[in-house]
Amino acid sequence: MAIKLIAIDMDGTLLLPDHTISPAVKNAIAAAREKGVNVVLTTGRPYAGVHSYLKELHMEQPGDYCITYNGALVQKAGDGSTVAQTALSYDDYRYLEKLSREVGSHFHALDRNTLYTANRDISYYTVHESYVATIPLVFCEAEKMDPNTQFLKVMMIDEPAVLDRAIARIPAEVKEKYTVLKSAPYFLEILDKRVNKGTGVKSLAEALGIKPEEVMAIGDQENDIAMIEYAGMGVAMDNAIPVGQRGG
């Protein structure tokens, strides 16, 4: 069956190590789009960290979409307007922020427009996330956070060895209550239980009347497994972590 939708991870897949897109990849995407295939950037980044690439790839037209925050938000590519959203609550945020301190990891949280940290010793990886995703970084004590904030994801971030020790201390019930996955050696992402890249791709495919067997998904990390497994054609990059190579 012909492929009608291609979901592409960004960091480690679409992008080179210097965060640029190779001419060969640009040409391949353009060729697919000329054949009427929906090409969808599917990423843990917020829309602000995707927009410049959408513009570069000329993927801001009516009918273009992107999937951000690891599937928590499906958006129209042109203006970022919402197609589907699933967020964490303020109570989730307070619980997980406290947990991060208990297990010994830095922590930050994101809504649609801002990256928040309650860590006075702000992690290098929080600053890095703000820079790469081009999203403002704000310090705010947890108890002073607006309780109406819709958190699309929260993250434990730290040096890989420190983060791995923290992960080992996370209670099993947390991993049952939330979607918990690594997107990089220094990033652990926590989302609503219903959210992953697979559910984001599924939501968009169903809205467009596209069957799973008409979907291709390409990725390289743990957070890409769900969409690789959902797609009729799942592709794990040569540089994929071993667990990621389970996908089609």
C-alpha atoms as a PDB file:
ATOM      1  CA  MET A   1       0.000   0.000   0.000  1.00  0.00           C
ATOM      2  CA  ALA A   2       1.311   3.463  -0.890  1.00  0.00           C
ATOM      3  CA  ILE A   3       2.729   5.654   1.879  1.00  0.00           C
ATOM      4  CA  LYS A   4       0.618   8.773   2.457  1.00  0.00           C
ATOM      5  CA  LEU A   5       2.212  10.166   5.638  1.00  0.00           C
ATOM      6  CA  ILE A   6       5.865  10.248   6.730  1.00  0.00           C
ATOM      7  CA  ALA A   7       6.547  11.171  10.372  1.00  0.00           C
ATOM      8  CA  ILE A   8      10.171  12.222  10.863  1.00  0.00           C
ATOM      9  CA  ASP A   9      11.967  12.737  14.156  1.00  0.00           C
ATOM     10  CA  MET A  10      14.200  15.816  14.201  1.00  0.00           C
ATOM     11  CA  ASP A  11      17.227  15.584  16.502  1.00  0.00           C
ATOM     12  CA  GLY A  12      19.425  12.667  15.463  1.00  0.00           C
ATOM     13  CA  THR A  13      17.273  11.877  12.415  1.00  0.00           C
ATOM     14  CA  LEU A  14      16.302  14.868  10.264  1.00  0.00           C
ATOM     15  CA  LEU A  15      19.079  17.074  11.623  1.00  0.00           C
ATOM     16  CA  LEU A  16      22.839  16.747  11.358  1.00  0.00           C
ATOM     17  CA  PRO A  17      24.922  17.177  14.559  1.00  0.00           C
ATOM     18  CA  ASP A  18      25.199  20.911  13.818  1.00  0.00           C
ATOM     19  CA  HIS A  19      21.369  21.160  13.714  1.00  0.00           C
ATOM     20  CA  THR A  20      21.229  21.698   9.951  1.00  0.00           C
ATOM     21  CA  ILE A  21      19.424  19.707   7.249  1.00  0.00           C
ATOM     22  CA  SER A  22      21.509  18.158   4.482  1.00  0.00           C
ATOM     23  CA  PRO A  23      20.696  19.006   0.837  1.00  0.00           C
ATOM     24  CA  ALA A  24      19.995  15.321   0.157  1.00  0.00           C
ATOM     25  CA  VAL A  25      17.358  15.182   2.903  1.00  0.00           C
ATOM     26  CA  LYS A  26      15.776  18.429   1.699  1.00  0.00           C
ATOM     27  CA  ASN A  27      15.537  17.011  -1.806  1.00  0.00           C
ATOM     28  CA  ALA A  28      14.026  13.737  -0.561  1.00  0.00           C
ATOM     29  CA  ILE A  29      11.373  15.587   1.448  1.00  0.00           C
ATOM     30  CA  ALA A  30      10.546  17.849  -1.489  1.00  0.00           C
ATOM     31  CA  ALA A  31      10.226  14.824  -3.790  1.00  0.00           C
ATOM     32  CA  ALA A  32       7.852  13.070  -1.378  1.00  0.00           C
ATOM     33  CA  ARG A  33       5.715  16.190  -1.020  1.00  0.00           C
ATOM     34  CA  GLU A  34       5.527  16.595  -4.798  1.00  0.00           C
ATOM     35  CA  LYS A  35       3.963  13.123  -4.893  1.00  0.00           C
ATOM     36  CA  GLY A  36       1.289  14.231  -2.410  1.00  0.00           C
ATOM     37  CA  VAL A  37       2.799  12.589   0.676  1.00  0.00           C
ATOM     38  CA  ASN A  38       2.200  14.368   4.002  1.00  0.00           C
ATOM     39  CA  VAL A  39       5.633  14.891   5.611  1.00  0.00           C
ATOM     40  CA  VAL A  40       5.300  15.706   9.309  1.00  0.00           C
ATOM     41  CA  LEU A  41       8.092  16.774  11.668  1.00  0.00           C
ATOM     42  CA  THR A  42       7.505  14.806  14.863  1.00  0.00           C
ATOM     43  CA  THR A  43       9.574  15.989  17.791  1.00  0.00           C
ATOM     44  CA  GLY A  44       9.937  16.574  21.499  1.00  0.00           C
ATOM     45  CA  ARG A  45      10.597  20.234  20.758  1.00  0.00           C
ATOM     46  CA  PRO A  46       8.002  23.001  21.114  1.00  0.00           C
ATOM     47  CA  TYR A  47       6.640  24.732  18.010  1.00  0.00           C
ATOM     48  CA  ALA A  48       9.123  27.585  18.441  1.00  0.00           C
ATOM     49  CA  GLY A  49      11.971  25.102  18.024  1.00  0.00           C
ATOM     50  CA  VAL A  50      10.438  23.667  14.845  1.00  0.00           C
ATOM     51  CA  HIS A  51       9.181  26.745  13.013  1.00  0.00           C
ATOM     52  CA  SER A  52      12.453  27.762  11.336  1.00  0.00           C
ATOM     53  CA  TYR A  53      12.859  24.242   9.910  1.00  0.00           C
ATOM     54  CA  LEU A  54       9.280  24.197   8.641  1.00  0.00           C
ATOM     55  CA  LYS A  55      10.014  27.468   6.868  1.00  0.00           C
ATOM     56  CA  GLU A  56      13.282  26.132   5.437  1.00  0.00           C
ATOM     57  CA  LEU A  57      11.483  23.050   4.095  1.00  0.00           C
ATOM     58  CA  HIS A  58       8.531  25.098   2.754  1.00  0.00           C
ATOM     59  CA  MET A  59       6.216  23.082   5.004  1.00  0.00           C
ATOM     60  CA  GLU A  60       4.034  25.964   6.215  1.00  0.00           C
ATOM     61  CA  GLN A  61       1.307  25.573   3.621  1.00  0.00           C
ATOM     62  CA  PRO A  62      -2.389  24.886   4.324  1.00  0.00           C
ATOM     63  CA  GLY A  63      -2.629  21.177   4.992  1.00  0.00           C
ATOM     64  CA  ASP A  64       0.844  20.965   6.579  1.00  0.00           C
ATOM     65  CA  TYR A  65       1.129  19.780  10.188  1.00  0.00           C
ATOM     66  CA  CYS A  66       3.717  19.168  12.885  1.00  0.00           C
ATOM     67  CA  ILE A  67       3.686  17.060  16.038  1.00  0.00           C
ATOM     68  CA  THR A  68       5.459  18.636  19.005  1.00  0.00           C
ATOM     69  CA  TYR A  69       6.183  17.870  22.668  1.00  0.00           C
ATOM     70  CA  ASN A  70       6.549  14.155  21.844  1.00  0.00           C
ATOM     71  CA  GLY A  71       2.943  13.898  20.720  1.00  0.00           C
ATOM     72  CA  ALA A  72       1.277  16.048  23.380  1.00  0.00           C
ATOM     73  CA  LEU A  73       0.453  18.670  20.747  1.00  0.00           C
ATOM     74  CA  VAL A  74      -0.581  18.247  17.108  1.00  0.00           C
ATOM     75  CA  GLN A  75      -0.477  21.586  15.296  1.00  0.00           C
ATOM     76  CA  LYS A  76      -1.037  23.227  11.951  1.00  0.00           C
ATOM     77  CA  ALA A  77       2.437  23.996  10.660  1.00  0.00           C
ATOM     78  CA  GLY A  78       1.619  27.401   9.239  1.00  0.00           C
ATOM     79  CA  ASP A  79       0.467  29.168  12.387  1.00  0.00           C
ATOM     80  CA  GLY A  80       0.908  26.640  15.209  1.00  0.00           C
ATOM     81  CA  SER A  81      -2.820  26.437  15.897  1.00  0.00           C
ATOM     82  CA  THR A  82      -3.972  23.385  17.821  1.00  0.00           C
ATOM     83  CA  VAL A  83      -5.371  20.248  16.225  1.00  0.00           C
ATOM     84  CA  ALA A  84      -5.121  18.084  19.371  1.00  0.00           C
ATOM     85  CA  GLN A  85      -3.597  18.592  22.828  1.00  0.00           C
ATOM     86  CA  THR A  86      -3.114  16.462  25.939  1.00  0.00           C
ATOM     87  CA  ALA A  87      -1.458  18.150  28.920  1.00  0.00           C
ATOM     88  CA  LEU A  88      -0.349  17.481  32.480  1.00  0.00           C
ATOM     89  CA  SER A  89      -2.096  19.287  35.332  1.00  0.00           C
ATOM     90  CA  TYR A  90      -0.652  21.578  37.990  1.00  0.00           C
ATOM     91  CA  ASP A  91      -1.010  18.731  40.498  1.00  0.00           C
ATOM     92  CA  ASP A  92       1.049  16.508  38.193  1.00  0.00           C
ATOM     93  CA  TYR A  93       3.679  19.227  37.983  1.00  0.00           C
ATOM     94  CA  ARG A  94       3.929  19.653  41.762  1.00  0.00           C
ATOM     95  CA  TYR A  95       4.141  15.894  42.313  1.00  0.00           C
ATOM     96  CA  LEU A  96       6.823  15.366  39.675  1.00  0.00           C
ATOM     97  CA  GLU A  97       8.854  18.425  40.683  1.00  0.00           C
ATOM     98  CA  LYS A  98       8.968  17.111  44.262  1.00  0.00           C
ATOM     99  CA  LEU A  99       9.907  13.665  42.962  1.00  0.00           C
ATOM    100  CA  SER A 100      12.830  15.121  41.017  1.00  0.00           C
ATOM    101  CA  ARG A 101      14.276  16.530  44.232  1.00  0.00           C
ATOM    102  CA  GLU A 102      13.784  13.211  46.001  1.00  0.00           C
ATOM    103  CA  VAL A 103      15.611  11.227  43.314  1.00  0.00           C
ATOM    104  CA  GLY A 104      18.349  13.834  42.867  1.00  0.00           C
ATOM    105  CA  SER A 105      17.801  15.316  39.409  1.00  0.00           C
ATOM    106  CA  HIS A 106      17.409  18.781  37.955  1.00  0.00           C
ATOM    107  CA  PHE A 107      13.942  19.475  36.579  1.00  0.00           C
ATOM    108  CA  HIS A 108      12.070  21.757  34.225  1.00  0.00           C
ATOM    109  CA  ALA A 109       8.593  21.969  32.698  1.00  0.00           C
ATOM    110  CA  LEU A 110       7.154  23.370  29.498  1.00  0.00           C
ATOM    111  CA  ASP A 111       3.850  24.854  28.452  1.00  0.00           C
ATOM    112  CA  ARG A 112       3.194  26.088  24.901  1.00  0.00           C
ATOM    113  CA  ASN A 113       5.362  29.181  25.200  1.00  0.00           C
ATOM    114  CA  THR A 114       7.717  28.933  28.173  1.00  0.00           C
ATOM    115  CA  LEU A 115      10.264  26.666  29.833  1.00  0.00           C
ATOM    116  CA  TYR A 116      10.032  26.859  33.643  1.00  0.00           C
ATOM    117  CA  THR A 117      12.531  25.766  36.250  1.00  0.00           C
ATOM    118  CA  ALA A 118      12.309  25.898  40.035  1.00  0.00           C
ATOM    119  CA  ASN A 119      16.013  24.981  40.364  1.00  0.00           C
ATOM    120  CA  ARG A 120      18.087  27.869  41.679  1.00  0.00           C
ATOM    121  CA  ASP A 121      21.194  26.056  40.401  1.00  0.00           C
ATOM    122  CA  ILE A 122      19.819  25.979  36.865  1.00  0.00           C
ATOM    123  CA  SER A 123      21.128  23.015  34.902  1.00  0.00           C
ATOM    124  CA  TYR A 124      23.284  23.513  31.834  1.00  0.00           C
ATOM    125  CA  TYR A 125      20.880  21.168  30.060  1.00  0.00           C
ATOM    126  CA  THR A 126      17.936  23.435  30.886  1.00  0.00           C
ATOM    127  CA  VAL A 127      19.767  26.378  29.332  1.00  0.00           C
ATOM    128  CA  HIS A 128      20.657  24.150  26.371  1.00  0.00           C
ATOM    129  CA  GLU A 129      17.007  23.145  25.905  1.00  0.00           C
ATOM    130  CA  SER A 130      15.909  26.785  25.987  1.00  0.00           C
ATOM    131  CA  TYR A 131      18.519  27.718  23.384  1.00  0.00           C
ATOM    132  CA  VAL A 132      17.949  24.818  20.982  1.00  0.00           C
ATOM    133  CA  ALA A 133      14.154  25.033  21.252  1.00  0.00           C
ATOM    134  CA  THR A 134      14.217  28.857  21.085  1.00  0.00           C
ATOM    135  CA  ILE A 135      11.780  29.062  23.992  1.00  0.00           C
ATOM    136  CA  PRO A 136      12.071  31.566  26.887  1.00  0.00           C
ATOM    137  CA  LEU A 137      13.456  30.241  30.181  1.00  0.00           C
ATOM    138  CA  VAL A 138      11.773  31.466  33.376  1.00  0.00           C
ATOM    139  CA  PHE A 139      12.693  30.737  36.994  1.00  0.00           C
ATOM    140  CA  CYS A 140       9.603  30.226  39.145  1.00  0.00           C
ATOM    141  CA  GLU A 141       9.309  28.507  42.497  1.00  0.00           C
ATOM    142  CA  ALA A 142       6.984  25.522  42.245  1.00  0.00           C
ATOM    143  CA  GLU A 143       4.502  26.820  44.795  1.00  0.00           C
ATOM    144  CA  LYS A 144       4.207  30.138  42.925  1.00  0.00           C
ATOM    145  CA  MET A 145       3.379  28.576  39.563  1.00  0.00           C
ATOM    146  CA  ASP A 146      -0.007  29.508  38.078  1.00  0.00           C
ATOM    147  CA  PRO A 147      -2.247  26.493  38.878  1.00  0.00           C
ATOM    148  CA  ASN A 148      -4.036  26.956  35.541  1.00  0.00           C
ATOM    149  CA  THR A 149      -0.867  26.248  33.558  1.00  0.00           C
ATOM    150  CA  GLN A 150      -1.192  23.394  31.060  1.00  0.00           C
ATOM    151  CA  PHE A 151       2.129  21.539  31.103  1.00  0.00           C
ATOM    152  CA  LEU A 152       2.732  19.692  27.850  1.00  0.00           C
ATOM    153  CA  LYS A 153       5.679  17.853  29.332  1.00  0.00           C
ATOM    154  CA  VAL A 154       8.081  17.951  32.261  1.00  0.00           C
ATOM    155  CA  MET A 155      11.664  16.744  32.212  1.00  0.00           C
ATOM    156  CA  MET A 156      14.332  15.477  34.542  1.00  0.00           C
ATOM    157  CA  ILE A 157      17.636  16.648  33.110  1.00  0.00           C
ATOM    158  CA  ASP A 158      21.175  16.033  34.279  1.00  0.00           C
ATOM    159  CA  GLU A 159      24.568  14.570  33.482  1.00  0.00           C
ATOM    160  CA  PRO A 160      23.921  11.079  32.060  1.00  0.00           C
ATOM    161  CA  ALA A 161      25.349   9.186  35.045  1.00  0.00           C
ATOM    162  CA  VAL A 162      23.432  11.382  37.509  1.00  0.00           C
ATOM    163  CA  LEU A 163      20.227  11.036  35.518  1.00  0.00           C
ATOM    164  CA  ASP A 164      20.578   7.254  35.285  1.00  0.00           C
ATOM    165  CA  ARG A 165      20.920   7.041  39.076  1.00  0.00           C
ATOM    166  CA  ALA A 166      17.826   9.233  39.468  1.00  0.00           C
ATOM    167  CA  ILE A 167      15.850   7.091  37.014  1.00  0.00           C
ATOM    168  CA  ALA A 168      16.728   3.970  38.986  1.00  0.00           C
ATOM    169  CA  ARG A 169      15.115   5.583  42.046  1.00  0.00           C
ATOM    170  CA  ILE A 170      11.823   6.498  40.359  1.00  0.00           C
ATOM    171  CA  PRO A 171       9.021   4.320  41.809  1.00  0.00           C
ATOM    172  CA  ALA A 172       7.405   1.821  39.453  1.00  0.00           C
ATOM    173  CA  GLU A 173       3.985   3.415  39.966  1.00  0.00           C
ATOM    174  CA  VAL A 174       5.244   6.651  38.369  1.00  0.00           C
ATOM    175  CA  LYS A 175       6.088   4.771  35.181  1.00  0.00           C
ATOM    176  CA  GLU A 176       2.614   3.231  35.272  1.00  0.00           C
ATOM    177  CA  LYS A 177       0.858   6.573  35.809  1.00  0.00           C
ATOM    178  CA  TYR A 178       2.748   8.583  33.167  1.00  0.00           C
ATOM    179  CA  THR A 179       4.549   8.161  29.872  1.00  0.00           C
ATOM    180  CA  VAL A 180       8.209   8.161  30.921  1.00  0.00           C
ATOM    181  CA  LEU A 181      10.935   7.982  28.288  1.00  0.00           C
ATOM    182  CA  LYS A 182      14.432   9.111  27.411  1.00  0.00           C
ATOM    183  CA  SER A 183      14.935  11.406  24.441  1.00  0.00           C
ATOM    184  CA  ALA A 184      18.688  11.863  25.012  1.00  0.00           C
ATOM    185  CA  PRO A 185      21.266  10.564  27.518  1.00  0.00           C
ATOM    186  CA  TYR A 186      20.648  13.717  29.590  1.00  0.00           C
ATOM    187  CA  PHE A 187      16.847  14.087  29.099  1.00  0.00           C
ATOM    188  CA  LEU A 188      14.056  12.071  30.742  1.00  0.00           C
ATOM    189  CA  GLU A 189      10.649  13.239  29.536  1.00  0.00           C
ATOM    190  CA  ILE A 190       7.419  12.718  31.477  1.00  0.00           C
ATOM    191  CA  LEU A 191       4.052  13.209  29.799  1.00  0.00           C
ATOM    192  CA  ASP A 192       0.402  12.350  30.254  1.00  0.00           C
ATOM    193  CA  LYS A 193      -0.035   8.576  30.090  1.00  0.00           C
ATOM    194  CA  ARG A 194      -1.993   8.901  26.840  1.00  0.00           C
ATOM    195  CA  VAL A 195       0.827  10.751  25.094  1.00  0.00           C
ATOM    196  CA  ASN A 196       3.697   9.554  22.939  1.00  0.00           C
ATOM    197  CA  LYS A 197       4.792  10.148  19.369  1.00  0.00           C
ATOM    198  CA  GLY A 198       2.761   7.124  18.310  1.00  0.00           C
ATOM    199  CA  THR A 199      -0.507   8.545  19.643  1.00  0.00           C
ATOM    200  CA  GLY A 200       0.325  11.915  18.082  1.00  0.00           C
ATOM    201  CA  VAL A 201       0.894  10.342  14.673  1.00  0.00           C
ATOM    202  CA  LYS A 202      -2.218   8.173  15.089  1.00  0.00           C
ATOM    203  CA  SER A 203      -4.350  11.217  15.958  1.00  0.00           C
ATOM    204  CA  LEU A 204      -3.194  13.100  12.879  1.00  0.00           C
ATOM    205  CA  ALA A 205      -3.441  10.088  10.563  1.00  0.00           C
ATOM    206  CA  GLU A 206      -7.021   9.415  11.653  1.00  0.00           C
ATOM    207  CA  ALA A 207      -7.947  13.076  11.166  1.00  0.00           C
ATOM    208  CA  LEU A 208      -6.588  12.849   7.615  1.00  0.00           C
ATOM    209  CA  GLY A 209      -8.224   9.492   6.892  1.00  0.00           C
ATOM    210  CA  ILE A 210      -4.875   7.705   6.611  1.00  0.00           C
ATOM    211  CA  LYS A 211      -4.471   4.069   7.710  1.00  0.00           C
ATOM    212  CA  PRO A 212      -1.500   2.864   9.830  1.00  0.00           C
ATOM    213  CA  GLU A 213      -0.211   0.801   6.904  1.00  0.00           C
ATOM    214  CA  GLU A 214      -0.019   4.037   4.882  1.00  0.00           C
ATOM    215  CA  VAL A 215       2.297   5.645   7.458  1.00  0.00           C
ATOM    216  CA  MET A 216       6.097   5.643   7.578  1.00  0.00           C
ATOM    217  CA  ALA A 217       7.887   6.726  10.786  1.00  0.00           C
ATOM    218  CA  ILE A 218      11.618   7.428  11.059  1.00  0.00           C
ATOM    219  CA  GLY A 219      13.501   7.923  14.347  1.00  0.00           C
ATOM    220  CA  ASP A 220      16.507   7.080  16.477  1.00  0.00           C
ATOM    221  CA  GLN A 221      15.665   7.301  20.192  1.00  0.00           C
ATOM    222  CA  GLU A 222      13.463   5.695  22.834  1.00  0.00           C
ATOM    223  CA  ASN A 223      10.839   8.398  22.353  1.00  0.00           C
ATOM    224  CA  ASP A 224      10.494   7.338  18.695  1.00  0.00           C
ATOM    225  CA  ILE A 225       9.642   3.685  19.379  1.00  0.00           C
ATOM    226  CA  ALA A 226       5.876   4.218  19.721  1.00  0.00           C
ATOM    227  CA  MET A 227       5.515   5.852  16.310  1.00  0.00           C
ATOM    228  CA  ILE A 228       7.858   3.327  14.683  1.00  0.00           C
ATOM    229  CA  GLU A 229       5.705   0.522  16.069  1.00  0.00           C
ATOM    230  CA  TYR A 230       2.457   2.256  15.019  1.00  0.00           C
ATOM    231  CA  ALA A 231       3.531   2.843  11.446  1.00  0.00           C
ATOM    232  CA  GLY A 232       3.114   0.275   8.719  1.00  0.00           C
ATOM    233  CA  MET A 233       6.720   1.062   7.812  1.00  0.00           C
ATOM    234  CA  GLY A 234       8.912   1.892  10.813  1.00  0.00           C
ATOM    235  CA  VAL A 235      12.530   2.889  10.238  1.00  0.00           C
ATOM    236  CA  ALA A 236      15.165   3.012  13.002  1.00  0.00           C
ATOM    237  CA  MET A 237      18.215   5.044  11.997  1.00  0.00           C
ATOM    238  CA  ASP A 238      21.655   3.399  11.840  1.00  0.00           C
ATOM    239  CA  ASN A 239      22.624   5.538  14.842  1.00  0.00           C
ATOM    240  CA  ALA A 240      19.561   4.421  16.850  1.00  0.00           C
ATOM    241  CA  ILE A 241      19.980   3.282  20.427  1.00  0.00           C
ATOM    242  CA  PRO A 242      19.603  -0.528  20.686  1.00  0.00           C
ATOM    243  CA  VAL A 243      16.074  -0.347  22.107  1.00  0.00           C
ATOM    244  CA  GLY A 244      15.096   1.889  19.196  1.00  0.00           C
ATOM    245  CA  GLN A 245      16.173  -0.754  16.730  1.00  0.00           C
ATOM    246  CA  ARG A 246      13.220  -2.914  17.768  1.00  0.00           C
ATOM    247  CA  GLY A 247      11.021  -0.871  15.467  1.00  0.00           C
ATOM    248  CA  GLY A 248      10.128  -2.129  11.952  1.00  0.00           C
END
